[in-house]
Amino acid sequence: MKLKCTSSGLIYVKQTIIVSIKRPTSLEGAKVLGKPVLINVCNVVFLSHNNDGQVTFFMQNGFEISLNIFFLEAEQILNSAMQGKEDEIN
């Protein structure tokens, strides 16, 4: 499981596909401790590519979560979470 979403709008992101979690306005990036990262779909502003060309969830709080996956996979999970459907990308 690389990405998984629940009917309540949570997106689970496997730690191994995360390239970085950072807030561009801060001095240090956030650290991931090997556990899945949870994203609430209500906090996603948009999905796009960052300056380095990586698929990135841009969040309301200013964080950018960059992933090593195809854009269509991230888009599928985001759309499913917004519609309240369960989905998974392996």
N, C-alpha and C. Protein backbone atom coordinates (compact mmCIF):
# COMPACT_ATOMS: atom_id res chain seq x y z
N MET A 1 0.84 -1.17 0.00
CA MET A 1 0.00 0.00 0.00
C MET A 1 0.88 1.24 0.00
N LYS A 2 0.83 2.01 -1.09
CA LYS A 2 1.55 3.28 -1.15
C LYS A 2 0.66 4.42 -0.66
N LEU A 3 -0.56 4.43 -1.15
CA LEU A 3 -1.55 5.44 -0.76
C LEU A 3 -2.87 4.74 -0.49
N LYS A 4 -3.59 5.24 0.50
CA LYS A 4 -4.89 4.68 0.84
C LYS A 4 -5.75 5.81 1.36
N CYS A 5 -7.03 5.81 1.00
CA CYS A 5 -7.94 6.81 1.56
C CYS A 5 -9.15 6.12 2.17
N THR A 6 -9.73 6.78 3.15
CA THR A 6 -10.89 6.25 3.83
C THR A 6 -12.13 7.05 3.44
N SER A 7 -13.27 6.53 3.80
CA SER A 7 -14.52 7.21 3.48
C SER A 7 -14.70 8.48 4.29
N SER A 8 -13.90 8.64 5.37
CA SER A 8 -13.98 9.87 6.18
C SER A 8 -13.05 10.97 5.66
N GLY A 9 -12.35 10.72 4.54
CA GLY A 9 -11.52 11.75 3.93
C GLY A 9 -10.09 11.79 4.40
N LEU A 10 -9.61 10.71 5.03
CA LEU A 10 -8.20 10.66 5.44
C LEU A 10 -7.40 9.93 4.38
N ILE A 11 -6.22 10.45 4.10
CA ILE A 11 -5.31 9.82 3.14
C ILE A 11 -4.10 9.32 3.92
N TYR A 12 -3.81 8.02 3.82
CA TYR A 12 -2.64 7.42 4.44
C TYR A 12 -1.54 7.37 3.39
N VAL A 13 -0.36 7.89 3.71
CA VAL A 13 0.77 7.91 2.80
C VAL A 13 1.88 7.06 3.41
N LYS A 14 2.31 6.02 2.70
CA LYS A 14 3.39 5.17 3.19
C LYS A 14 4.68 5.99 3.25
N GLN A 15 5.41 5.84 4.32
CA GLN A 15 6.60 6.65 4.58
C GLN A 15 7.66 6.48 3.48
N THR A 16 7.76 5.31 2.86
CA THR A 16 8.82 5.06 1.89
C THR A 16 8.65 5.84 0.58
N ILE A 17 7.46 6.35 0.29
CA ILE A 17 7.28 7.13 -0.94
C ILE A 17 7.40 8.63 -0.71
N ILE A 18 7.59 9.03 0.55
CA ILE A 18 7.71 10.45 0.85
C ILE A 18 9.13 10.92 0.54
N VAL A 19 9.23 11.91 -0.32
CA VAL A 19 10.52 12.51 -0.65
C VAL A 19 10.86 13.56 0.41
N SER A 20 9.88 14.41 0.73
CA SER A 20 10.11 15.42 1.76
C SER A 20 8.79 15.97 2.28
N ILE A 21 8.86 16.42 3.52
CA ILE A 21 7.76 17.18 4.12
C ILE A 21 8.40 18.46 4.62
N LYS A 22 8.00 19.56 4.03
CA LYS A 22 8.65 20.81 4.42
C LYS A 22 7.68 21.97 4.36
N ARG A 23 8.06 22.98 5.04
CA ARG A 23 7.34 24.25 5.00
C ARG A 23 8.34 25.26 4.46
N PRO A 24 8.17 25.70 3.24
CA PRO A 24 9.17 26.55 2.60
C PRO A 24 9.54 27.79 3.40
N THR A 25 8.64 28.27 4.25
CA THR A 25 8.95 29.48 5.00
C THR A 25 9.69 29.19 6.30
N SER A 26 9.91 27.90 6.62
CA SER A 26 10.61 27.57 7.86
C SER A 26 12.07 27.21 7.56
N LEU A 27 12.90 27.22 8.60
CA LEU A 27 14.31 26.92 8.43
C LEU A 27 14.58 25.43 8.31
N GLU A 28 13.77 24.61 8.98
CA GLU A 28 13.97 23.17 8.97
C GLU A 28 12.75 22.46 8.43
N GLY A 29 12.96 21.33 7.77
CA GLY A 29 11.85 20.52 7.32
C GLY A 29 11.36 19.62 8.44
N ALA A 30 10.17 19.09 8.29
CA ALA A 30 9.64 18.16 9.27
C ALA A 30 10.29 16.80 9.07
N LYS A 31 10.37 16.03 10.13
CA LYS A 31 10.95 14.70 10.05
C LYS A 31 9.85 13.66 10.16
N VAL A 32 10.02 12.58 9.40
CA VAL A 32 9.07 11.48 9.41
C VAL A 32 9.74 10.31 10.12
N LEU A 33 9.03 9.71 11.07
CA LEU A 33 9.62 8.68 11.91
C LEU A 33 9.29 7.26 11.48
N GLY A 34 8.99 7.03 10.22
CA GLY A 34 8.74 5.68 9.74
C GLY A 34 7.29 5.24 9.80
N LYS A 35 6.42 6.04 10.33
CA LYS A 35 5.00 5.70 10.41
C LYS A 35 4.29 6.34 9.22
N PRO A 36 3.13 5.80 8.83
CA PRO A 36 2.38 6.44 7.74
C PRO A 36 1.97 7.87 8.12
N VAL A 37 1.95 8.73 7.14
CA VAL A 37 1.54 10.11 7.35
C VAL A 37 0.06 10.21 6.99
N LEU A 38 -0.71 10.85 7.86
CA LEU A 38 -2.13 11.05 7.62
C LEU A 38 -2.37 12.45 7.09
N ILE A 39 -3.15 12.54 6.04
CA ILE A 39 -3.52 13.82 5.46
C ILE A 39 -5.04 13.90 5.47
N ASN A 40 -5.58 14.96 6.03
CA ASN A 40 -7.02 15.19 5.96
C ASN A 40 -7.29 15.93 4.65
N VAL A 41 -8.15 15.36 3.83
CA VAL A 41 -8.41 15.91 2.51
C VAL A 41 -8.92 17.35 2.59
N CYS A 42 -9.55 17.72 3.68
CA CYS A 42 -10.06 19.09 3.85
C CYS A 42 -8.93 20.11 3.95
N ASN A 43 -7.72 19.66 4.28
CA ASN A 43 -6.58 20.56 4.43
C ASN A 43 -5.71 20.65 3.18
N VAL A 44 -6.04 19.89 2.14
CA VAL A 44 -5.28 19.95 0.89
C VAL A 44 -5.79 21.13 0.07
N VAL A 45 -4.89 22.05 -0.25
CA VAL A 45 -5.27 23.20 -1.07
C VAL A 45 -5.26 22.80 -2.54
N PHE A 46 -4.17 22.17 -2.98
CA PHE A 46 -4.12 21.65 -4.33
C PHE A 46 -3.01 20.62 -4.48
N LEU A 47 -3.08 19.86 -5.55
CA LEU A 47 -2.10 18.84 -5.88
C LEU A 47 -1.42 19.27 -7.16
N SER A 48 -0.08 19.29 -7.15
CA SER A 48 0.65 19.72 -8.33
C SER A 48 2.08 19.19 -8.22
N HIS A 49 2.96 19.76 -9.02
CA HIS A 49 4.39 19.45 -8.95
C HIS A 49 5.10 20.62 -8.27
N ASN A 50 6.11 20.32 -7.46
CA ASN A 50 6.89 21.39 -6.84
C ASN A 50 7.97 21.86 -7.81
N ASN A 51 8.85 22.73 -7.35
CA ASN A 51 9.91 23.28 -8.20
C ASN A 51 10.89 22.22 -8.69
N ASP A 52 10.98 21.09 -7.96
CA ASP A 52 11.88 20.00 -8.34
C ASP A 52 11.19 18.97 -9.23
N GLY A 53 9.92 19.19 -9.57
CA GLY A 53 9.19 18.29 -10.44
C GLY A 53 8.56 17.10 -9.75
N GLN A 54 8.52 17.09 -8.42
CA GLN A 54 7.93 15.98 -7.67
C GLN A 54 6.45 16.24 -7.41
N VAL A 55 5.65 15.18 -7.41
CA VAL A 55 4.23 15.28 -7.10
C VAL A 55 4.10 15.74 -5.66
N THR A 56 3.32 16.80 -5.42
CA THR A 56 3.28 17.42 -4.10
C THR A 56 1.87 17.81 -3.71
N PHE A 57 1.50 17.44 -2.46
CA PHE A 57 0.28 17.95 -1.85
C PHE A 57 0.63 19.27 -1.18
N PHE A 58 -0.02 20.34 -1.57
CA PHE A 58 0.16 21.64 -0.94
C PHE A 58 -0.96 21.81 0.08
N MET A 59 -0.59 22.04 1.34
CA MET A 59 -1.53 22.05 2.45
C MET A 59 -1.89 23.47 2.88
N GLN A 60 -3.04 23.60 3.56
CA GLN A 60 -3.50 24.90 4.07
C GLN A 60 -2.50 25.53 5.03
N ASN A 61 -1.83 24.73 5.83
CA ASN A 61 -0.92 25.26 6.84
C ASN A 61 0.45 25.62 6.26
N GLY A 62 0.63 25.53 4.95
CA GLY A 62 1.88 25.92 4.32
C GLY A 62 2.84 24.77 4.05
N PHE A 63 2.55 23.59 4.56
CA PHE A 63 3.44 22.45 4.33
C PHE A 63 3.28 21.93 2.92
N GLU A 64 4.37 21.37 2.41
CA GLU A 64 4.37 20.69 1.13
C GLU A 64 4.81 19.26 1.38
N ILE A 65 4.01 18.30 0.94
CA ILE A 65 4.34 16.88 1.10
C ILE A 65 4.63 16.33 -0.28
N SER A 66 5.92 16.13 -0.57
CA SER A 66 6.35 15.66 -1.88
C SER A 66 6.49 14.14 -1.88
N LEU A 67 5.98 13.51 -2.94
CA LEU A 67 5.93 12.06 -3.01
C LEU A 67 6.59 11.54 -4.27
N ASN A 68 7.09 10.32 -4.17
CA ASN A 68 7.70 9.64 -5.30
C ASN A 68 6.67 8.69 -5.92
N ILE A 69 5.65 9.25 -6.55
CA ILE A 69 4.61 8.48 -7.22
C ILE A 69 4.19 9.22 -8.48
N PHE A 70 3.37 8.58 -9.28
CA PHE A 70 2.84 9.23 -10.48
C PHE A 70 1.73 10.20 -10.09
N PHE A 71 1.60 11.28 -10.84
CA PHE A 71 0.58 12.29 -10.57
C PHE A 71 -0.82 11.68 -10.62
N LEU A 72 -1.08 10.80 -11.58
CA LEU A 72 -2.42 10.21 -11.72
C LEU A 72 -2.80 9.38 -10.50
N GLU A 73 -1.82 8.71 -9.85
CA GLU A 73 -2.10 7.94 -8.64
C GLU A 73 -2.53 8.86 -7.50
N ALA A 74 -1.79 9.95 -7.32
CA ALA A 74 -2.12 10.91 -6.26
C ALA A 74 -3.46 11.56 -6.54
N GLU A 75 -3.72 11.88 -7.79
CA GLU A 75 -4.99 12.51 -8.18
C GLU A 75 -6.16 11.57 -7.92
N GLN A 76 -5.97 10.29 -8.22
CA GLN A 76 -7.03 9.29 -7.99
C GLN A 76 -7.38 9.20 -6.51
N ILE A 77 -6.36 9.13 -5.65
CA ILE A 77 -6.60 9.04 -4.21
C ILE A 77 -7.25 10.33 -3.69
N LEU A 78 -6.77 11.48 -4.14
CA LEU A 78 -7.33 12.75 -3.70
C LEU A 78 -8.81 12.86 -4.10
N ASN A 79 -9.13 12.51 -5.33
CA ASN A 79 -10.52 12.57 -5.78
C ASN A 79 -11.40 11.60 -5.00
N SER A 80 -10.91 10.39 -4.74
CA SER A 80 -11.68 9.41 -3.97
C SER A 80 -11.92 9.91 -2.56
N ALA A 81 -10.91 10.49 -1.93
CA ALA A 81 -11.06 11.01 -0.57
C ALA A 81 -12.06 12.16 -0.54
N MET A 82 -12.03 13.03 -1.54
CA MET A 82 -12.97 14.15 -1.59
C MET A 82 -14.41 13.67 -1.78
N GLN A 83 -14.58 12.55 -2.47
CA GLN A 83 -15.91 12.01 -2.71
C GLN A 83 -16.36 11.08 -1.59
N GLY A 84 -15.51 10.84 -0.60
CA GLY A 84 -15.87 9.97 0.52
C GLY A 84 -15.85 8.49 0.17
N LYS A 85 -15.01 8.10 -0.79
CA LYS A 85 -14.90 6.70 -1.20
C LYS A 85 -13.59 6.13 -0.67
N GLU A 86 -13.59 4.83 -0.39
CA GLU A 86 -12.37 4.15 0.00
C GLU A 86 -11.63 3.73 -1.26
N ASP A 87 -10.30 3.86 -1.26
CA ASP A 87 -9.48 3.51 -2.42
C ASP A 87 -8.07 3.20 -1.94
N GLU A 88 -7.31 2.51 -2.77
CA GLU A 88 -5.93 2.16 -2.40
C GLU A 88 -5.09 2.02 -3.64
N ILE A 89 -3.85 2.49 -3.56
CA ILE A 89 -2.87 2.36 -4.64
C ILE A 89 -1.73 1.49 -4.09
N ASN A 90 -1.44 0.39 -4.76
CA ASN A 90 -0.35 -0.50 -4.30
C ASN A 90 0.93 -0.25 -5.05
